[in-house]
Amino acid sequence: MEKIITLIIFTVPGLITYFWINLFGITPSTKRNNSEVAAISILLWIPIVCIVLMFYNLLAFYSRLETIHPRTFDIPILKKNWGYIDSLEGLTKLSGSIWFILFYILLTVIVSFFLAKLISKFAYKRMIDQVNEVRKMNNIAPLGIHTTVWDSIFLNNTGQIIEYKRYGETESIKGCLIKVPRAHEVGKSIVLEAVEHWTNIMDYYDVEIDHTYVDIDNGIVINIYNLTRALEAQSEFNQRFPNGITS
């Protein structure tokens, strides 16, 4: 039981924050091993526990004020016996209280969410800017805001008309890309919509390709068509062939 309590107090806050950061779109370029995740969790634990304990000590302070104990109404949460925490020993000792553990977990989830939001929206971009200033001084190409090539190409929340094939092969699949996996998802899969429709359009019209994604390890090639021209071609195709039949 003591190990579980220790895990909740000293590990879970950092892990939850790391989990939120990944969900918000900042994924590492490679999968982290256990020791790296542990180190990151410890670093993230520091601001989380500082904020949580600040709220707790504020409640402890207000619970001692006579003005919150009027005879006309009752505030149970403020009438609890809140004790100040100013050391790890005090935190560990108080962790034996179920009430404190529930309070700690609830506040940790809330605080970690907003901290991760702050990091992913402002702090990460600021850090990349500072890193790129040094890289430019060293004549090294700057880093992009996305951590992987896959994220930068396919996770921009915009519609994409693509052609999927293997390198050296002529057969391909064309369609509207509507589902893509995350960067480190095991067994990548994609979902294409209106494959026959877009295959007919691309076979009938010459639509330029904006980008080509090449998976060097697996020999997979994904051509990304110019979206504006693809939609224009679709409009022309629908007017010329209302039934979608070209022959």
Protein backbone atom coordinates (compact mmCIF):
# COMPACT_ATOMS: atom_id res chain seq x y z
CA MET A 1 0.00 0.00 0.00
CA GLU A 2 2.83 2.40 0.84
CA LYS A 3 4.32 1.83 -2.61
CA ILE A 4 0.99 2.69 -4.24
CA ILE A 5 0.67 5.87 -2.18
CA THR A 6 4.24 6.85 -3.06
CA LEU A 7 3.50 6.22 -6.73
CA ILE A 8 0.42 8.45 -6.58
CA ILE A 9 2.20 11.27 -4.76
CA PHE A 10 5.54 11.35 -6.57
CA THR A 11 4.96 9.78 -10.02
CA VAL A 12 1.37 10.12 -11.20
CA PRO A 13 1.31 13.96 -11.52
CA GLY A 14 4.24 13.99 -13.94
CA LEU A 15 2.89 11.04 -15.92
CA ILE A 16 -0.54 12.63 -16.26
CA THR A 17 1.02 15.90 -17.48
CA TYR A 18 3.18 14.00 -19.98
CA PHE A 19 0.04 12.17 -21.14
CA TRP A 20 -1.81 15.48 -21.68
CA ILE A 21 1.14 16.97 -23.60
CA ASN A 22 1.17 14.00 -25.97
CA LEU A 23 -2.58 14.25 -26.50
CA PHE A 24 -2.22 17.96 -27.31
CA GLY A 25 0.06 17.06 -30.22
CA ILE A 26 3.64 17.29 -28.95
CA THR A 27 4.95 13.78 -29.50
CA PRO A 28 8.62 12.78 -29.32
CA SER A 29 10.46 11.88 -32.53
CA THR A 30 11.14 8.42 -31.04
CA LYS A 31 9.46 6.37 -28.36
CA ARG A 32 10.77 7.15 -24.89
CA ASN A 33 12.15 4.34 -22.80
CA ASN A 34 11.10 3.88 -19.18
CA SER A 35 14.04 5.79 -17.70
CA GLU A 36 13.43 8.79 -19.98
CA VAL A 37 9.72 8.86 -19.13
CA ALA A 38 10.60 8.65 -15.44
CA ALA A 39 13.02 11.58 -15.73
CA ILE A 40 10.45 13.70 -17.59
CA SER A 41 7.78 12.80 -15.03
CA ILE A 42 10.01 13.94 -12.17
CA LEU A 43 10.66 17.29 -13.87
CA LEU A 44 6.95 17.80 -14.53
CA TRP A 45 6.11 16.72 -10.95
CA ILE A 46 7.87 19.76 -9.48
CA PRO A 47 5.52 22.52 -10.80
CA ILE A 48 2.47 20.30 -10.32
CA VAL A 49 3.13 19.59 -6.65
CA CYS A 50 4.04 23.25 -6.00
CA ILE A 51 0.67 24.41 -7.33
CA VAL A 52 -1.29 21.64 -5.59
CA LEU A 53 0.36 22.33 -2.24
CA MET A 54 -0.17 26.06 -2.68
CA PHE A 55 -3.93 25.45 -2.96
CA TYR A 56 -3.83 23.06 -0.03
CA ASN A 57 -1.96 25.48 2.22
CA LEU A 58 -4.35 28.27 1.25
CA LEU A 59 -7.23 26.08 2.42
CA ALA A 60 -5.31 25.35 5.60
CA PHE A 61 -4.86 29.09 6.15
CA TYR A 62 -8.52 29.98 5.55
CA SER A 63 -9.72 27.10 7.73
CA ARG A 64 -8.11 28.84 10.69
CA LEU A 65 -9.91 32.14 10.18
CA GLU A 66 -12.76 32.80 12.61
CA THR A 67 -14.74 34.63 9.94
CA ILE A 68 -15.50 31.40 8.09
CA HIS A 69 -17.21 29.86 11.11
CA PRO A 70 -20.41 31.87 11.46
CA ARG A 71 -23.33 30.40 13.32
CA THR A 72 -25.77 30.97 10.50
CA PHE A 73 -24.21 28.63 7.92
CA ASP A 74 -21.71 25.80 7.69
CA ILE A 75 -18.80 25.18 5.28
CA PRO A 76 -17.66 21.59 5.92
CA ILE A 77 -14.68 21.67 3.56
CA LEU A 78 -13.20 24.65 5.38
CA LYS A 79 -13.91 23.23 8.81
CA LYS A 80 -11.70 20.20 8.22
CA ASN A 81 -8.47 19.96 10.14
CA TRP A 82 -6.15 21.21 7.41
CA GLY A 83 -2.47 21.08 8.32
CA TYR A 84 0.23 23.09 6.59
CA ILE A 85 2.67 21.19 4.36
CA ASP A 86 6.13 22.68 3.96
CA SER A 87 8.31 19.57 3.54
CA LEU A 88 8.39 16.20 1.76
CA GLU A 89 8.15 14.56 5.17
CA GLY A 90 4.90 16.39 5.86
CA LEU A 91 3.59 15.46 2.41
CA THR A 92 4.44 11.79 2.94
CA LYS A 93 2.86 11.79 6.40
CA LEU A 94 -0.37 13.37 5.20
CA SER A 95 -0.57 10.91 2.29
CA GLY A 96 -1.96 8.39 4.78
CA SER A 97 -5.27 10.28 4.71
CA ILE A 98 -7.77 9.06 2.10
CA TRP A 99 -9.33 12.53 2.05
CA PHE A 100 -5.97 14.09 1.15
CA ILE A 101 -5.25 11.47 -1.55
CA LEU A 102 -8.61 12.17 -3.21
CA PHE A 103 -8.02 15.91 -2.99
CA TYR A 104 -4.48 15.48 -4.34
CA ILE A 105 -5.55 13.32 -7.32
CA LEU A 106 -8.47 15.57 -8.30
CA LEU A 107 -6.41 18.75 -8.15
CA THR A 108 -3.50 17.05 -9.92
CA VAL A 109 -5.68 16.10 -12.89
CA ILE A 110 -7.02 19.65 -13.19
CA VAL A 111 -3.68 21.41 -12.70
CA SER A 112 -1.82 19.01 -15.01
CA PHE A 113 -4.34 19.68 -17.79
CA PHE A 114 -3.83 23.44 -17.70
CA LEU A 115 -0.07 23.13 -17.24
CA ALA A 116 0.17 20.82 -20.27
CA LYS A 117 -2.00 23.24 -22.24
CA LEU A 118 0.33 26.10 -21.32
CA ILE A 119 3.41 24.09 -22.27
CA SER A 120 2.04 22.87 -25.61
CA LYS A 121 0.59 26.24 -26.63
CA PHE A 122 3.27 28.69 -25.49
CA ALA A 123 6.30 27.21 -23.73
CA TYR A 124 7.13 24.60 -26.38
CA LYS A 125 7.03 27.11 -29.24
CA ARG A 126 9.10 29.55 -27.22
CA MET A 127 11.66 26.84 -26.53
CA ILE A 128 11.85 25.90 -30.23
CA ASP A 129 12.44 29.55 -31.13
CA GLN A 130 15.33 29.77 -28.66
CA VAL A 131 16.82 26.49 -29.89
CA ASN A 132 16.58 27.62 -33.52
CA GLU A 133 18.43 30.84 -32.74
CA VAL A 134 21.38 28.77 -31.55
CA ARG A 135 21.10 26.36 -34.50
CA LYS A 136 21.18 29.26 -36.95
CA MET A 137 24.30 30.61 -35.24
CA ASN A 138 25.87 27.17 -35.80
CA ASN A 139 24.72 27.09 -39.47
CA ILE A 140 22.33 24.22 -38.80
CA ALA A 141 18.84 24.07 -40.31
CA PRO A 142 16.16 25.15 -37.78
CA LEU A 143 13.79 22.64 -36.23
CA GLY A 144 10.16 22.58 -37.29
CA ILE A 145 7.34 22.98 -34.81
CA HIS A 146 6.32 19.35 -35.41
CA THR A 147 8.46 16.59 -33.95
CA THR A 148 7.97 14.10 -36.82
CA VAL A 149 7.63 14.37 -40.60
CA TRP A 150 4.41 12.35 -40.38
CA ASP A 151 2.83 14.92 -38.04
CA SER A 152 3.89 17.86 -40.19
CA ILE A 153 2.34 16.35 -43.33
CA PHE A 154 -0.79 14.55 -42.19
CA LEU A 155 -1.94 16.04 -38.86
CA ASN A 156 -2.76 19.59 -39.95
CA ASN A 157 -6.55 19.23 -39.74
CA THR A 158 -7.04 19.96 -43.44
CA GLY A 159 -8.63 17.85 -46.15
CA GLN A 160 -6.18 15.95 -48.36
CA ILE A 161 -6.59 14.08 -51.62
CA ILE A 162 -3.83 11.51 -51.86
CA GLU A 163 -2.43 8.66 -53.91
CA TYR A 164 -1.01 5.71 -51.99
CA LYS A 165 1.37 3.21 -53.57
CA ARG A 166 4.61 1.34 -53.08
CA TYR A 167 7.83 2.58 -54.62
CA GLY A 168 8.38 1.18 -58.11
CA GLU A 169 4.80 -0.07 -58.52
CA THR A 170 2.27 1.44 -60.91
CA GLU A 171 -0.89 0.33 -59.11
CA SER A 172 -2.13 2.81 -56.55
CA ILE A 173 -5.13 3.85 -54.47
CA LYS A 174 -6.50 7.38 -54.68
CA GLY A 175 -9.01 8.98 -52.34
CA CYS A 176 -9.84 11.57 -49.72
CA LEU A 177 -7.80 11.00 -46.57
CA ILE A 178 -10.11 11.11 -43.54
CA LYS A 179 -8.30 9.07 -40.87
CA VAL A 180 -4.60 8.91 -40.07
CA PRO A 181 -2.75 7.29 -37.15
CA ARG A 182 -0.65 9.06 -34.59
CA ALA A 183 3.09 9.26 -35.09
CA HIS A 184 4.03 6.23 -32.95
CA GLU A 185 0.91 4.14 -33.42
CA VAL A 186 1.84 0.49 -33.93
CA GLY A 187 0.80 -0.78 -37.36
CA LYS A 188 -0.01 2.43 -39.23
CA SER A 189 -3.31 2.43 -41.11
CA ILE A 190 -5.14 5.11 -43.07
CA VAL A 191 -8.75 5.47 -44.16
CA LEU A 192 -9.65 6.82 -47.60
CA GLU A 193 -13.08 8.04 -48.64
CA ALA A 194 -14.64 7.98 -52.15
CA VAL A 195 -11.80 5.93 -53.66
CA GLU A 196 -13.56 5.10 -56.93
CA HIS A 197 -14.79 8.69 -57.32
CA TRP A 198 -11.36 10.28 -56.88
CA THR A 199 -9.65 7.58 -58.95
CA ASN A 200 -11.90 8.49 -61.90
CA ILE A 201 -11.20 12.20 -61.42
CA MET A 202 -7.42 11.82 -61.18
CA ASP A 203 -7.33 9.47 -64.16
CA TYR A 204 -9.31 11.96 -66.24
CA TYR A 205 -7.63 15.20 -65.12
CA ASP A 206 -3.99 16.07 -64.63
CA VAL A 207 -3.84 17.44 -61.08
CA GLU A 208 -0.46 18.61 -59.83
CA ILE A 209 1.12 17.05 -56.76
CA ASP A 210 2.13 19.41 -53.94
CA HIS A 211 4.08 17.00 -51.76
CA THR A 212 5.30 13.42 -51.82
CA TYR A 213 5.79 11.53 -48.57
CA VAL A 214 8.27 8.66 -48.84
CA ASP A 215 8.71 6.05 -46.11
CA ILE A 216 12.31 5.05 -46.80
CA ASP A 217 12.22 1.98 -44.55
CA ASN A 218 9.05 0.45 -46.01
CA GLY A 219 9.10 1.84 -49.55
CA ILE A 220 5.71 3.52 -49.22
CA VAL A 221 4.93 6.59 -51.33
CA ILE A 222 2.03 8.96 -50.64
CA ASN A 223 1.44 11.71 -53.17
CA ILE A 224 -0.57 14.67 -51.89
CA TYR A 225 -2.50 16.50 -54.61
CA ASN A 226 -3.03 20.25 -54.73
CA LEU A 227 -6.35 20.57 -52.90
CA THR A 228 -7.62 23.65 -54.77
CA ARG A 229 -6.94 22.09 -58.17
CA ALA A 230 -8.37 18.74 -57.04
CA LEU A 231 -11.65 20.38 -55.99
CA GLU A 232 -11.80 22.29 -59.29
CA ALA A 233 -11.25 19.03 -61.16
CA GLN A 234 -14.02 17.41 -59.12
CA SER A 235 -16.42 20.22 -59.97
CA GLU A 236 -15.62 19.93 -63.68
CA PHE A 237 -15.91 16.15 -63.53
CA ASN A 238 -19.32 16.26 -61.83
CA GLN A 239 -20.64 18.72 -64.41
CA ARG A 240 -19.35 16.68 -67.33
CA PHE A 241 -20.25 13.27 -65.93
CA PRO A 242 -23.25 13.72 -63.56
CA ASN A 243 -23.53 9.95 -63.08
CA GLY A 244 -19.82 9.49 -62.51
CA ILE A 245 -19.53 7.27 -65.59
CA THR A 246 -16.84 8.26 -68.12
CA SER A 247 -17.52 5.62 -70.74
